[in-house]
Every structure is written in C-alpha cells, then in structure tokens.
C-alpha cells in the first residue's frame, strides 16, 4: 500500500503527508465523511507510514514485516477499536457452559476482521454490541502507558464509529485526549460527526472526506477489477454512489456470478417491481405489503441498496423524458422498461421523489424503524407519482 494507492482525497493525503514529513502531526484526528469513502484506509496508511522501516514520501512499502502485521491486524502498536459484544471482554471460566457464548462471539468477531481484510472499505460492527465499551477504552489507557515496541515512531489508536462510545467509555477517552502521551496518535473515524461528543470533537483536528467521484470509482474499478465488463462497471459506479465498500462487494459478486446476477442487480430488480405496483391502479396494498416484507426480512444495508436503486431509476426516467435519445443510463440493460415508465409518469416531481427517498435512506441509516419508515415512504411515493 502507499498514498498513491488510495483512491481520491488528494488534499487530505497532502495534509497528512506534509505533517508526517515535517513532524507536525496533531495528537488526534477526527476523519469525517460519507461511508465507504476510504477514511479508515487513510488512517491505516498513516499508521503503516509511521511504523514502516522503508517508508518514504510515497508512504509505506506494504511489504515489510511491520506493514504485513498491520494488514493482518496483529501489529503490537496499532489498535483498532469498533463496537463489539461485551462477552468478548468478560472474564470467563473455560469449564463453564457460557464459554460457548464466548467462542461464538469470537467467531463472529474474527469473521468481521476477515471481511475487513478482504474489503478495507468495510466498517465492522457486531450486531449484538451496545457500542464501544468502557473496557475497550480502558485497554487503550493501559497500552498508552507503554512506548512503541515495534520500532516505529508512534502507537496509533484507530477508533471506528466514535459516535457509538458508551458514556463511561467516552469519558475515559476524553481523559486520554486531554493528556495525550507524546508517542500516541489517535485517529477517530466517523460518518456521523454530529453525533460525536463535542468535547471529543474539540480535542481533535478534523479532516473532512468527500464522496468518491464517479470518474474516480470507474478508474478504481478498472484498475482493481479489470475483468468487469463495461455495462456492469457502469452499474456498479452508479449504484455504489461513491461508496467503495459497496463497489467492492458488487465487483466481487459480479465476478463470482455464473448467470450474471448479483446482489446489486437483485436489489434493482426488486425496486423496479415495487415501483410497478405503486403505479398500478388498485395495487397500493400489494406495494405496502412488499415493503413490509422487505422491512421484516432484510438488513439495513439491503434496504438502503433497494432505495438507492430507486434513486438511480428515477434519474434514468428523468433523463429519458428530457432527452429521449439519451443512451448514457444508470441501467442500460433496462432501456425498454425505462421508456415504458416514461410513458406512465404523467408529470412527476423528480426533486420531491429524490428528496423523500434520500430522507428515507437517512432515517434507515440512523436506525429508524424499517417497518414504519418504509410504509410511510410507500404511501408518499404513490401520492407523488400519481399526483393524488
């Protein structure tokens, strides 16, 4: 890995490279920006650069023992903290039955770490976690008292999703940030900076990351997934909406697919079927039932993928209404369906349609009740489409 291998974020990389070269790194950073943009990849590259024996202005070498152990989440001076289940931190007697719970939790944790190794843009969080626990930060406090042991310049503590710090954990972290040891670098990474405690935000240098541009995503896919055909690549670029974590999963699934289908296309197809029901007279009940089924049986990421598919489909319809001969579509394989939808949309307000869809995505991201949220969305969607 090196700075040049990180997609986008030219200004942010320049700021950090200059800080490393001049010895003017802040003691704590807060990386903010949309999910999947590579904020954590930048944090890990910073950690590698500070601990790589062959590091230069281009960053780490990616080949030495230090770089390899960081990539495997085994470096003694790099701590990666994210929301985990409390059972992982509890003292247990191996002879007792509850040790099975610990083993199962460890397996779930290791599965997330393995997925993070395979997809550096993935943000791990254990489903049964209450948040970042007090014991996790207490462990950081203890480790902060020791100097780097791996021959590097700094211990680096990377805290993913600091908005999910439990109150007592946040207070402990605040004490560390108020009196930081000189050999510790904190990097807090969040997509929800407004939910991070102001007292913690104020003690960090904020570095804002923007969404990855479509052209950058396209170049990234071409470089790392060259076997992806043009139509699939165009779909992934548009569907991922600047989220390289989503783009990675879609590219991998499309490469493994035998019949050409994969999760992104499945979500798109289900979204279009749902839209047909919304537009069909007398089928609102079926559309609501469809969304209720999605709410009950799909994860939040699946729901967001479906809603994102609707946004892209609305965009195609709008473009075709304005310019019927337009070929540059998000869904080029559905040009016929898009044209049929153009005929059935009398006079849609695409700004309002996009707004309510984006609002619904934000509500789902912020843990809104999927059943209530999607039910309300379906009714509002029909009213806008049919101008009822």
Protein backbone atom coordinates (compact mmCIF):
# COMPACT_ATOMS: atom_id res chain seq x y z
CA UNK A 1 0.00 0.00 0.00
CA UNK A 2 1.06 3.63 -0.41
CA UNK A 3 -0.60 7.03 -0.50
CA UNK A 4 -0.90 6.77 -4.28
CA UNK A 5 -2.92 3.55 -3.99
CA UNK A 6 -5.67 5.32 -2.04
CA UNK A 7 -8.44 6.50 -4.36
CA UNK A 8 -9.33 10.20 -4.22
CA UNK A 9 -8.75 12.56 -1.28
CA UNK A 10 -5.80 14.38 -2.84
CA UNK A 11 -5.95 17.30 -0.39
CA UNK A 12 -6.36 15.10 2.70
CA UNK A 13 -3.41 12.92 1.71
CA UNK A 14 -1.28 16.01 1.08
CA UNK A 15 -2.11 17.40 4.53
CA UNK A 16 -1.11 14.15 6.25
CA UNK A 17 2.00 13.54 4.15
CA UNK A 18 3.22 17.06 4.88
CA UNK A 19 2.50 16.63 8.60
CA UNK A 20 4.49 13.37 8.67
CA UNK A 21 7.40 14.85 6.70
CA UNK A 22 7.64 17.95 8.92
CA UNK A 23 6.94 16.19 12.21
CA UNK A 24 3.82 18.27 12.78
CA UNK A 25 1.17 15.62 13.20
CA UNK A 26 -1.64 16.53 15.55
CA UNK A 27 -2.04 14.22 18.55
CA UNK A 28 -5.59 13.36 17.48
CA UNK A 29 -7.56 13.48 14.22
CA UNK A 30 -11.26 13.12 13.51
CA UNK A 31 -11.80 11.81 9.98
CA UNK A 32 -15.35 12.56 8.82
CA UNK A 33 -17.27 11.90 5.62
CA UNK A 34 -19.70 9.53 3.90
CA UNK A 35 -19.43 5.78 4.43
CA UNK A 36 -17.16 3.77 2.17
CA UNK A 37 -15.00 6.67 1.03
CA UNK A 38 -11.78 5.20 2.41
CA UNK A 39 -11.38 7.20 5.64
CA UNK A 40 -10.19 4.12 7.52
CA UNK A 41 -7.89 3.17 4.63
CA UNK A 42 -6.23 6.56 5.05
CA UNK A 43 -5.98 6.00 8.82
CA UNK A 44 -4.28 2.63 8.31
CA UNK A 45 -1.92 4.03 5.68
CA UNK A 46 -0.93 6.73 8.15
CA UNK A 47 -0.27 4.00 10.75
CA UNK A 48 1.75 1.97 8.24
CA UNK A 49 3.81 5.00 7.19
CA UNK A 50 4.70 5.82 10.81
CA UNK A 51 5.81 2.26 11.51
CA UNK A 52 7.28 1.12 8.18
CA UNK A 53 11.07 0.79 8.14
CA UNK A 54 11.14 1.56 4.40
CA UNK A 55 8.65 4.44 4.41
CA UNK A 56 9.30 7.38 2.12
CA UNK A 57 7.35 10.37 0.85
CA UNK A 58 5.10 7.97 -1.07
CA UNK A 59 4.11 6.24 2.16
CA UNK A 60 4.62 2.67 3.34
CA UNK A 61 6.29 -0.09 1.35
CA UNK A 62 3.47 -2.58 2.01
CA UNK A 63 5.96 -5.47 2.05
CA UNK A 64 7.97 -5.32 5.26
CA UNK A 65 7.07 -7.21 8.43
CA UNK A 66 5.55 -4.10 10.02
CA UNK A 67 3.26 -3.46 7.03
CA UNK A 68 2.22 -7.11 6.84
CA UNK A 69 1.36 -7.33 10.53
CA UNK A 70 -0.70 -4.13 10.30
CA UNK A 71 -2.57 -5.57 7.32
CA UNK A 72 -3.29 -8.67 9.42
CA UNK A 73 -4.41 -6.62 12.45
CA UNK A 74 -1.60 -8.09 14.54
CA UNK A 75 0.80 -5.17 14.99
CA UNK A 76 1.62 -4.55 18.68
CA UNK A 77 1.49 -0.77 18.28
CA UNK A 78 -1.69 -0.42 16.21
CA UNK A 79 -5.03 -0.71 17.98
CA UNK A 80 -8.27 -0.90 16.00
CA UNK A 81 -11.40 -0.34 18.09
CA UNK A 82 -15.01 -0.76 16.95
CA UNK A 83 -18.29 -1.77 18.64
CA UNK A 84 -18.05 -5.35 19.95
CA UNK A 85 -20.11 -7.64 22.17
CA UNK A 86 -19.44 -7.35 25.90
CA UNK A 87 -18.97 -11.12 26.26
CA UNK A 88 -15.61 -10.78 24.48
CA UNK A 89 -14.29 -8.69 27.37
CA UNK A 90 -15.76 -10.64 30.26
CA UNK A 91 -13.62 -12.96 32.35
CA UNK A 92 -14.94 -16.49 32.00
CA UNK A 93 -14.20 -19.91 33.36
CA UNK A 94 -13.34 -22.28 30.50
CA UNK A 95 -15.12 -25.08 32.37
CA UNK A 96 -18.46 -23.29 32.38
CA UNK A 97 -21.17 -23.64 29.76
CA UNK A 98 -21.26 -19.93 28.95
CA UNK A 99 -17.80 -20.32 27.43
CA UNK A 100 -19.67 -21.49 24.31
CA UNK A 101 -21.14 -17.97 24.02
CA UNK A 102 -17.64 -16.53 24.17
CA UNK A 103 -16.42 -18.91 21.45
CA UNK A 104 -19.36 -17.99 19.22
CA UNK A 105 -18.76 -14.27 19.80
CA UNK A 106 -15.08 -14.67 18.96
CA UNK A 107 -16.04 -16.43 15.74
CA UNK A 108 -18.35 -13.54 14.81
CA UNK A 109 -15.58 -11.05 15.65
CA UNK A 110 -12.99 -12.93 13.57
CA UNK A 111 -15.45 -13.10 10.67
CA UNK A 112 -15.73 -9.30 10.71
CA UNK A 113 -11.95 -8.88 10.85
CA UNK A 114 -11.55 -11.27 7.93
CA UNK A 115 -14.13 -9.30 5.95
CA UNK A 116 -12.24 -6.11 6.78
CA UNK A 117 -9.04 -7.66 5.44
CA UNK A 118 -10.82 -8.56 2.21
CA UNK A 119 -12.62 -5.23 1.91
CA UNK A 120 -10.74 -2.31 3.55
CA UNK A 121 -13.74 -0.04 2.93
CA UNK A 122 -15.99 -2.21 5.12
CA UNK A 123 -16.90 -0.75 8.53
CA UNK A 124 -17.26 -3.58 11.08
CA UNK A 125 -19.70 -3.59 13.98
CA UNK A 126 -21.02 -6.59 15.90
CA UNK A 127 -24.81 -6.78 15.67
CA UNK A 128 -25.23 -7.59 19.35
CA UNK A 129 -22.98 -4.78 20.52
CA UNK A 130 -24.27 -1.92 22.65
CA UNK A 131 -21.47 0.30 21.34
CA UNK A 132 -17.80 0.88 22.12
CA UNK A 133 -17.42 -0.38 25.67
CA UNK A 134 -15.67 1.08 28.70
CA UNK A 135 -13.37 -1.95 28.86
CA UNK A 136 -12.16 -1.29 25.32
CA UNK A 137 -11.06 2.24 26.17
CA UNK A 138 -9.61 1.09 29.50
CA UNK A 139 -7.41 -1.29 27.50
CA UNK A 140 -6.26 1.66 25.38
CA UNK A 141 -5.40 3.58 28.56
CA UNK A 142 -3.23 0.72 29.74
CA UNK A 143 -1.48 0.30 26.38
CA UNK A 144 -0.90 4.06 26.11
CA UNK A 145 1.43 3.89 29.11
CA UNK A 146 3.99 1.84 27.13
CA UNK A 147 6.31 3.14 24.44
CA UNK A 148 6.11 1.70 20.91
CA UNK A 149 7.58 -1.79 20.88
CA UNK A 150 7.76 -2.48 17.17
CA UNK A 151 10.48 0.00 16.28
CA UNK A 152 8.02 2.54 14.88
CA UNK A 153 7.59 6.21 15.67
CA UNK A 154 4.11 6.12 17.14
CA UNK A 155 1.47 3.88 18.61
CA UNK A 156 -1.67 4.52 16.58
CA UNK A 157 -5.14 4.07 18.07
CA UNK A 158 -7.82 3.94 15.35
CA UNK A 159 -11.34 4.29 16.77
CA UNK A 160 -14.08 3.41 14.30
CA UNK A 161 -17.57 4.88 14.93
CA UNK A 162 -16.71 7.07 17.96
CA UNK A 163 -20.34 8.27 17.97
CA UNK A 164 -21.14 4.86 19.48
CA UNK A 165 -18.93 5.29 22.54
CA UNK A 166 -20.84 4.48 25.72
CA UNK A 167 -20.87 7.43 28.13
CA UNK A 168 -18.32 5.97 30.52
CA UNK A 169 -16.10 4.92 27.59
CA UNK A 170 -16.32 8.43 26.12
CA UNK A 171 -15.26 9.94 29.44
CA UNK A 172 -12.21 7.68 29.61
CA UNK A 173 -11.26 8.50 26.03
CA UNK A 174 -11.68 12.19 26.78
CA UNK A 175 -9.11 11.93 29.58
CA UNK A 176 -6.66 10.33 27.17
CA UNK A 177 -7.25 13.09 24.62
CA UNK A 178 -6.85 15.82 27.25
CA UNK A 179 -3.47 14.50 28.40
CA UNK A 180 -2.17 12.57 25.40
CA UNK A 181 1.16 10.74 25.67
CA UNK A 182 3.55 12.09 23.04
CA UNK A 183 4.00 8.66 21.45
CA UNK A 184 0.28 8.10 20.83
CA UNK A 185 -1.63 9.16 17.71
CA UNK A 186 -5.43 8.96 17.83
CA UNK A 187 -7.47 8.68 14.66
CA UNK A 188 -11.24 8.71 15.17
CA UNK A 189 -13.24 7.79 12.06
CA UNK A 190 -16.93 8.56 11.66
CA UNK A 191 -19.69 9.09 9.11
CA UNK A 192 -21.79 10.88 11.75
CA UNK A 193 -19.63 13.67 13.20
CA UNK A 194 -22.69 15.47 14.57
CA UNK A 195 -23.22 12.52 16.95
CA UNK A 196 -19.67 12.58 18.35
CA UNK A 197 -19.45 14.31 21.73
CA UNK A 198 -18.50 17.99 21.24
CA UNK A 199 -15.83 17.68 23.95
CA UNK A 200 -14.17 14.89 21.96
CA UNK A 201 -14.54 16.71 18.63
CA UNK A 202 -12.94 19.84 20.08
CA UNK A 203 -9.78 17.92 21.01
CA UNK A 204 -9.25 16.54 17.52
CA UNK A 205 -8.11 18.09 14.28
CA UNK A 206 -10.98 17.49 11.88
CA UNK A 207 -10.21 16.24 8.39
CA UNK A 208 -13.26 16.08 6.11
CA UNK A 209 -13.51 13.50 3.34
CA UNK A 210 -15.82 13.87 0.34
CA UNK A 211 -17.73 11.19 -1.51
CA UNK A 212 -15.67 9.43 -4.19
CA UNK A 213 -16.46 10.88 -7.62
CA UNK A 214 -17.94 8.59 -10.31
CA UNK A 215 -14.88 9.02 -12.54
CA UNK A 216 -12.60 8.04 -9.62
CA UNK A 217 -14.73 4.99 -8.85
CA UNK A 218 -14.61 3.99 -12.52
CA UNK A 219 -10.80 4.28 -12.60
CA UNK A 220 -10.57 2.31 -9.35
CA UNK A 221 -12.77 -0.49 -10.74
CA UNK A 222 -10.80 -0.58 -13.99
CA UNK A 223 -7.53 -0.88 -12.05
CA UNK A 224 -8.55 -3.42 -9.41
CA UNK A 225 -11.36 -5.32 -11.18
CA UNK A 226 -10.27 -5.27 -14.85
CA UNK A 227 -12.38 -8.34 -15.69
CA UNK A 228 -15.63 -6.40 -15.06
CA UNK A 229 -17.44 -5.66 -18.34
CA UNK A 230 -18.40 -2.09 -19.23
CA UNK A 231 -22.15 -2.33 -18.50
CA UNK A 232 -21.58 -3.99 -15.13
CA UNK A 233 -18.89 -1.47 -14.27
CA UNK A 234 -21.22 1.42 -15.14
CA UNK A 235 -23.95 -0.09 -13.00
CA UNK A 236 -21.57 -0.56 -10.04
CA UNK A 237 -20.24 3.01 -10.35
CA UNK A 238 -23.75 4.47 -10.27
CA UNK A 239 -25.21 2.04 -7.73
CA UNK A 240 -22.37 2.45 -5.20
CA UNK A 241 -22.77 6.26 -5.18
CA UNK A 242 -19.17 6.84 -4.14
CA UNK A 243 -19.10 4.04 -1.56
CA UNK A 244 -16.09 1.87 -2.39
CA UNK A 245 -17.17 -0.67 0.23
CA UNK A 246 -20.37 -1.31 -1.71
CA UNK A 247 -18.46 -1.21 -5.02
CA UNK A 248 -16.02 -3.85 -3.74
CA UNK A 249 -18.79 -6.22 -2.72
CA UNK A 250 -20.64 -5.78 -6.02
CA UNK A 251 -17.49 -6.24 -8.09
CA UNK A 252 -16.60 -9.41 -6.20
CA UNK A 253 -20.14 -10.80 -6.50
CA UNK A 254 -20.35 -9.99 -10.21
CA UNK A 255 -17.03 -11.75 -10.79
CA UNK A 256 -18.26 -14.87 -8.97
CA UNK A 257 -21.69 -14.86 -10.63
CA UNK A 258 -22.40 -17.61 -13.17
CA UNK A 259 -25.66 -16.23 -14.58
CA UNK A 260 -24.73 -12.54 -14.46
CA UNK A 261 -26.90 -11.72 -11.44
CA UNK A 262 -25.61 -10.36 -8.14
CA UNK A 263 -26.92 -8.55 -5.07
CA UNK A 264 -26.96 -5.09 -6.62
CA UNK A 265 -28.92 -6.25 -9.65
CA UNK A 266 -31.30 -8.23 -7.45
CA UNK A 267 -31.99 -5.12 -5.36
CA UNK A 268 -32.50 -3.07 -8.53
CA UNK A 269 -34.92 -5.60 -10.00
CA UNK A 270 -36.94 -5.80 -6.80
CA UNK A 271 -37.06 -2.00 -6.63
CA UNK A 272 -38.42 -1.80 -10.20
CA UNK A 273 -41.06 -4.46 -9.47
CA UNK A 274 -42.09 -2.50 -6.39
CA UNK A 275 -42.35 0.67 -8.48
CA UNK A 276 -44.64 -1.10 -10.96
CA UNK A 277 -47.01 -2.00 -8.13
CA UNK A 278 -47.00 1.58 -6.83
CA UNK A 279 -48.01 2.83 -10.27
CA UNK A 280 -50.64 0.14 -10.93
CA UNK A 281 -54.22 1.18 -10.04
CA UNK A 282 -55.55 -0.70 -7.03
CA UNK A 283 -52.20 -2.25 -6.12
CA UNK A 284 -51.10 0.11 -3.33
CA UNK A 285 -51.90 -2.63 -0.81
CA UNK A 286 -49.56 -5.02 -2.62
CA UNK A 287 -46.84 -2.37 -2.72
CA UNK A 288 -47.19 -1.73 1.03
CA UNK A 289 -47.09 -5.49 1.70
CA UNK A 290 -43.95 -5.77 -0.44
CA UNK A 291 -42.24 -3.06 1.58
CA UNK A 292 -43.38 -4.65 4.84
CA UNK A 293 -41.79 -7.92 3.72
CA UNK A 294 -38.58 -6.07 2.86
CA UNK A 295 -38.62 -4.31 6.24
CA UNK A 296 -39.09 -7.56 8.17
CA UNK A 297 -36.71 -9.81 6.25
CA UNK A 298 -33.90 -7.56 5.00
CA UNK A 299 -30.95 -5.95 6.72
CA UNK A 300 -30.49 -2.20 6.75
CA UNK A 301 -27.83 -2.32 4.03
CA UNK A 302 -30.17 -4.32 1.78
CA UNK A 303 -32.95 -1.78 2.35
CA UNK A 304 -30.61 1.11 1.58
CA UNK A 305 -29.46 -0.67 -1.59
CA UNK A 306 -33.05 -1.01 -2.76
CA UNK A 307 -33.80 2.65 -2.08
CA UNK A 308 -30.58 3.70 -3.82
CA UNK A 309 -31.71 1.64 -6.83
CA UNK A 310 -34.94 3.66 -6.93
CA UNK A 311 -32.96 6.90 -6.99
CA UNK A 312 -30.93 5.72 -9.97
CA UNK A 313 -34.04 4.52 -11.78
CA UNK A 314 -35.78 7.87 -11.19
CA UNK A 315 -32.70 9.56 -12.61
CA UNK A 316 -32.86 7.42 -15.77
CA UNK A 317 -36.56 8.18 -16.27
CA UNK A 318 -35.96 11.90 -15.83
CA UNK A 319 -33.06 11.89 -18.28
CA UNK A 320 -35.07 9.95 -20.88
CA UNK A 321 -38.03 12.34 -20.52
CA UNK A 322 -35.74 15.31 -21.15
CA UNK A 323 -33.69 13.65 -23.91
CA UNK A 324 -35.43 10.54 -25.39
CA UNK A 325 -32.34 9.57 -27.37
CA UNK A 326 -30.04 9.61 -24.33
CA UNK A 327 -28.05 6.35 -24.08
CA UNK A 328 -25.89 7.07 -21.01
CA UNK A 329 -28.16 5.40 -18.46
CA UNK A 330 -27.52 4.06 -14.97
CA UNK A 331 -29.40 0.93 -16.03
CA UNK A 332 -28.58 0.45 -19.73
CA UNK A 333 -29.93 -3.11 -19.71
CA UNK A 334 -33.40 -1.77 -18.80
CA UNK A 335 -33.79 0.87 -21.51
CA UNK A 336 -37.11 -0.64 -22.65
CA UNK A 337 -38.56 -0.65 -19.13
CA UNK A 338 -37.36 2.90 -18.58
CA UNK A 339 -39.15 4.05 -21.76
CA UNK A 340 -42.36 2.36 -20.61
CA UNK A 341 -42.10 4.10 -17.25
CA UNK A 342 -41.61 7.42 -19.05
CA UNK A 343 -45.00 6.93 -20.71
CA UNK A 344 -46.67 6.09 -17.38
CA UNK A 345 -45.22 9.01 -15.41
CA UNK A 346 -47.60 11.84 -16.23
CA UNK A 347 -45.82 14.78 -14.64
CA UNK A 348 -43.56 13.57 -11.80
CA UNK A 349 -41.74 15.91 -9.46
CA UNK A 350 -38.34 14.23 -9.52
CA UNK A 351 -36.89 16.64 -6.99
CA UNK A 352 -39.58 15.67 -4.47
CA UNK A 353 -39.19 11.97 -5.31
CA UNK A 354 -35.45 12.14 -4.77
CA UNK A 355 -35.88 14.13 -1.57
CA UNK A 356 -38.24 11.66 0.12
CA UNK A 357 -36.07 8.72 -0.98
CA UNK A 358 -32.90 10.36 0.38
CA UNK A 359 -34.74 11.22 3.61
CA UNK A 360 -35.84 7.60 3.95
CA UNK A 361 -32.28 6.37 3.40
CA UNK A 362 -31.03 8.72 6.14
CA UNK A 363 -33.75 7.54 8.53
CA UNK A 364 -32.84 3.89 7.93
CA UNK A 365 -29.13 4.67 8.39
CA UNK A 366 -29.95 6.28 11.74
CA UNK A 367 -31.73 3.16 12.96
CA UNK A 368 -35.27 4.33 12.24
CA UNK A 369 -37.96 1.64 12.48
CA UNK A 370 -37.85 -0.01 9.00
CA UNK A 371 -41.49 -1.11 9.07
CA UNK A 372 -42.90 2.33 9.87
CA UNK A 373 -40.38 4.18 7.72
CA UNK A 374 -40.91 2.11 4.57
CA UNK A 375 -44.69 2.03 5.00
CA UNK A 376 -44.84 5.83 5.15
CA UNK A 377 -42.41 6.07 2.23
CA UNK A 378 -44.61 3.86 0.03
CA UNK A 379 -47.72 5.98 0.59
CA UNK A 380 -45.85 9.26 0.00
CA UNK A 381 -44.24 7.79 -3.11
CA UNK A 382 -47.57 6.86 -4.68
CA UNK A 383 -49.04 10.29 -3.97
CA UNK A 384 -46.12 11.96 -5.71
CA UNK A 385 -46.10 9.60 -8.67
CA UNK A 386 -49.83 9.80 -9.29
CA UNK A 387 -50.20 13.39 -8.04
CA UNK A 388 -53.01 12.23 -5.76
